[in-house]
N, C-alpha and C. Protein backbone atom coordinates (compact mmCIF):
# COMPACT_ATOMS: atom_id res chain seq x y z
N UNK A 1 -121.88 201.82 -63.66
CA UNK A 1 -122.74 203.00 -63.19
C UNK A 1 -121.50 203.95 -62.50
N UNK A 2 -120.15 203.52 -63.00
CA UNK A 2 -119.42 204.42 -62.18
C UNK A 2 -118.93 205.91 -63.07
N UNK A 3 -119.58 205.80 -64.68
CA UNK A 3 -119.78 206.97 -65.38
C UNK A 3 -120.49 207.89 -65.51
N UNK A 4 -121.75 207.60 -64.23
CA UNK A 4 -122.64 208.46 -63.84
C UNK A 4 -122.19 209.41 -63.35
N UNK A 5 -122.69 210.72 -63.35
CA UNK A 5 -122.34 211.95 -62.17
C UNK A 5 -123.16 211.48 -61.14
N UNK A 6 -122.87 211.68 -59.75
CA UNK A 6 -123.43 211.52 -58.45
C UNK A 6 -124.98 211.68 -58.43
N UNK A 7 -125.53 213.07 -59.36
CA UNK A 7 -126.67 213.38 -59.28
C UNK A 7 -127.79 212.38 -60.09
N UNK A 8 -127.25 211.88 -61.14
CA UNK A 8 -127.70 211.04 -61.94
C UNK A 8 -127.70 209.60 -61.19
N UNK A 9 -126.65 209.16 -60.48
CA UNK A 9 -126.83 208.11 -59.82
C UNK A 9 -128.02 208.20 -58.34
N UNK A 10 -128.24 209.47 -57.87
CA UNK A 10 -129.02 209.19 -57.25
C UNK A 10 -130.70 209.10 -57.83
N UNK A 11 -130.64 209.96 -58.88
CA UNK A 11 -131.79 209.59 -59.83
C UNK A 11 -132.06 208.01 -59.96
N UNK A 12 -131.38 207.40 -60.69
CA UNK A 12 -131.54 206.17 -61.02
C UNK A 12 -131.66 205.24 -59.65
N UNK A 13 -131.16 205.44 -58.75
CA UNK A 13 -131.73 205.11 -57.50
C UNK A 13 -132.85 205.32 -56.78
N UNK A 14 -133.03 206.07 -57.09
CA UNK A 14 -134.79 206.63 -56.57
C UNK A 14 -135.54 206.17 -57.55
N UNK A 15 -135.06 206.01 -58.57
CA UNK A 15 -136.46 205.21 -59.52
C UNK A 15 -136.33 203.92 -59.11
N UNK A 16 -135.29 203.32 -59.09
CA UNK A 16 -135.22 201.78 -58.68
C UNK A 16 -136.42 201.58 -57.43
N UNK A 17 -135.56 202.20 -56.40
CA UNK A 17 -136.94 202.44 -54.96
C UNK A 17 -138.48 202.50 -55.71
N UNK A 18 -138.55 203.45 -56.07
CA UNK A 18 -140.04 203.61 -56.78
C UNK A 18 -140.66 202.20 -57.57
N UNK A 19 -139.65 201.71 -58.23
CA UNK A 19 -139.98 200.06 -59.00
C UNK A 19 -140.22 199.21 -58.18
N UNK A 20 -139.52 199.34 -56.91
CA UNK A 20 -139.80 198.49 -55.73
C UNK A 20 -140.92 198.53 -54.89
N UNK A 21 -141.30 199.76 -54.82
CA UNK A 21 -142.38 199.92 -54.13
C UNK A 21 -143.47 199.71 -55.06
N UNK A 22 -143.52 199.92 -56.10
CA UNK A 22 -144.79 199.24 -57.24
C UNK A 22 -144.62 197.62 -56.94
N UNK A 23 -143.48 197.29 -56.97
CA UNK A 23 -143.32 195.90 -56.95
C UNK A 23 -144.25 195.13 -55.65
N UNK A 24 -144.05 196.06 -54.50
CA UNK A 24 -144.76 195.48 -53.21
C UNK A 24 -146.33 195.71 -53.36
N UNK A 25 -146.69 196.92 -53.79
CA UNK A 25 -147.87 196.54 -54.61
C UNK A 25 -148.49 195.29 -55.03
N UNK A 26 -147.84 195.17 -55.88
CA UNK A 26 -148.15 193.79 -56.61
C UNK A 26 -148.32 192.63 -55.53
N UNK A 27 -147.39 192.53 -54.79
CA UNK A 27 -147.33 191.47 -53.64
C UNK A 27 -148.92 191.37 -53.10
N UNK A 28 -148.92 193.06 -52.54
CA UNK A 28 -150.27 192.81 -51.84
C UNK A 28 -151.45 192.37 -52.72
N UNK A 29 -151.60 192.67 -53.94
CA UNK A 29 -152.46 192.56 -54.51
C UNK A 29 -152.96 190.70 -54.73
N UNK A 30 -151.25 190.15 -55.14
CA UNK A 30 -150.93 188.87 -55.25
C UNK A 30 -151.89 188.04 -53.97
N UNK A 31 -151.50 188.86 -52.98
CA UNK A 31 -152.04 187.99 -51.64
C UNK A 31 -153.34 187.97 -51.44
N UNK A 32 -154.03 189.12 -51.93
CA UNK A 32 -155.53 189.29 -51.79
C UNK A 32 -156.04 188.15 -52.88
N UNK A 33 -155.71 187.92 -54.01
CA UNK A 33 -155.98 186.67 -54.65
C UNK A 33 -155.59 185.48 -54.64
N UNK A 34 -154.74 185.43 -53.28
CA UNK A 34 -154.29 184.25 -52.99
C UNK A 34 -153.53 183.65 -53.65
N UNK A 35 -152.51 184.24 -54.57
CA UNK A 35 -151.44 183.61 -55.22
C UNK A 35 -149.98 183.81 -54.39
N UNK A 36 -150.16 183.17 -53.45
CA UNK A 36 -149.18 183.38 -52.23
C UNK A 36 -147.68 182.94 -52.90
N UNK A 37 -147.64 181.87 -54.07
CA UNK A 37 -146.12 181.37 -54.46
C UNK A 37 -145.55 182.71 -55.24
N UNK A 38 -146.57 183.72 -55.81
CA UNK A 38 -146.02 184.53 -56.95
C UNK A 38 -145.59 186.07 -55.90
N UNK A 39 -146.48 186.07 -54.84
CA UNK A 39 -146.30 186.84 -53.71
C UNK A 39 -144.88 187.19 -53.39
N UNK A 40 -145.05 185.65 -52.63
CA UNK A 40 -143.55 185.11 -51.74
C UNK A 40 -142.31 185.49 -52.73
N UNK A 41 -142.50 184.87 -53.93
CA UNK A 41 -141.09 185.10 -54.98
C UNK A 41 -140.87 186.47 -55.29
N UNK A 42 -141.77 187.08 -55.22
CA UNK A 42 -141.78 188.95 -55.41
C UNK A 42 -141.08 189.59 -54.32
N UNK A 43 -141.49 189.16 -53.19
CA UNK A 43 -141.24 190.00 -52.01
C UNK A 43 -139.76 189.38 -52.03
N UNK A 44 -139.30 188.18 -51.87
CA UNK A 44 -137.82 187.89 -51.59
C UNK A 44 -136.73 188.62 -52.87
N UNK A 45 -137.48 188.66 -53.73
CA UNK A 45 -136.41 189.68 -54.96
C UNK A 45 -136.74 191.02 -54.33
N UNK A 46 -137.67 191.26 -53.86
CA UNK A 46 -137.74 192.76 -53.44
C UNK A 46 -136.63 193.29 -52.32
N UNK A 47 -136.61 192.16 -51.46
CA UNK A 47 -135.86 192.31 -50.31
C UNK A 47 -134.48 192.19 -50.66
N UNK A 48 -134.01 191.06 -51.75
CA UNK A 48 -132.61 191.22 -52.28
C UNK A 48 -132.15 192.39 -52.93
N UNK A 49 -133.16 192.87 -53.75
CA UNK A 49 -132.70 194.17 -54.30
C UNK A 49 -132.82 195.20 -53.74
N UNK A 50 -133.35 195.57 -52.48
CA UNK A 50 -133.02 196.66 -51.40
C UNK A 50 -131.82 196.09 -50.64
N UNK A 51 -131.46 195.24 -50.24
CA UNK A 51 -130.31 194.80 -49.99
C UNK A 51 -129.11 194.90 -50.42
N UNK A 52 -129.19 194.93 -51.82
CA UNK A 52 -128.06 195.34 -52.75
C UNK A 52 -127.90 196.52 -53.11
N UNK A 53 -128.97 197.57 -53.05
CA UNK A 53 -129.35 198.87 -53.16
C UNK A 53 -128.50 199.48 -52.13
N UNK A 54 -129.09 199.18 -50.90
CA UNK A 54 -128.32 199.38 -49.49
C UNK A 54 -126.72 199.60 -49.52
N UNK A 55 -126.09 197.99 -49.86
CA UNK A 55 -124.72 198.01 -49.77
C UNK A 55 -124.28 198.87 -50.97
N UNK A 56 -124.78 198.95 -52.19
CA UNK A 56 -124.33 200.24 -52.92
C UNK A 56 -124.24 201.64 -52.27
N UNK A 57 -125.49 201.87 -51.72
CA UNK A 57 -125.46 203.20 -51.30
C UNK A 57 -123.88 203.26 -49.99
N UNK A 58 -123.75 202.48 -49.39
CA UNK A 58 -122.63 202.16 -48.36
C UNK A 58 -121.30 202.51 -49.16
N UNK A 59 -121.14 201.57 -50.14
CA UNK A 59 -120.19 201.64 -50.92
C UNK A 59 -119.86 202.92 -51.98
N UNK A 60 -120.94 203.85 -52.09
CA UNK A 60 -120.87 204.95 -52.73
C UNK A 60 -120.32 205.96 -51.66
N UNK A 61 -121.17 205.95 -50.64
CA UNK A 61 -121.08 206.87 -49.64
C UNK A 61 -119.21 206.50 -49.22
N UNK A 62 -118.68 205.44 -49.16
CA UNK A 62 -117.29 205.19 -48.64
C UNK A 62 -116.28 205.93 -49.60
N UNK A 63 -116.87 206.25 -50.74
CA UNK A 63 -115.65 206.34 -51.90
C UNK A 63 -115.76 207.93 -51.77
C-alpha cells in the first residue's frame, strides 16, 4: 500500500469501511434468522478489521 498516493489510500480505506458496514448489516440479518454462530463470527472479524484499520490510520498519520 506504500506505493499508493495518500488520496488513493484514503479512498481504499473508505471503501473498506463501507464493506465493513455492509457486513454489519449481514450480522443483523443473521441474528434475526437466529444464525448466531455466523453473526458472532462475522462480528468478531469486523471488529478485528476495524482495529487493524485504526492502527493503520495512526501509523499513516505518524509518518
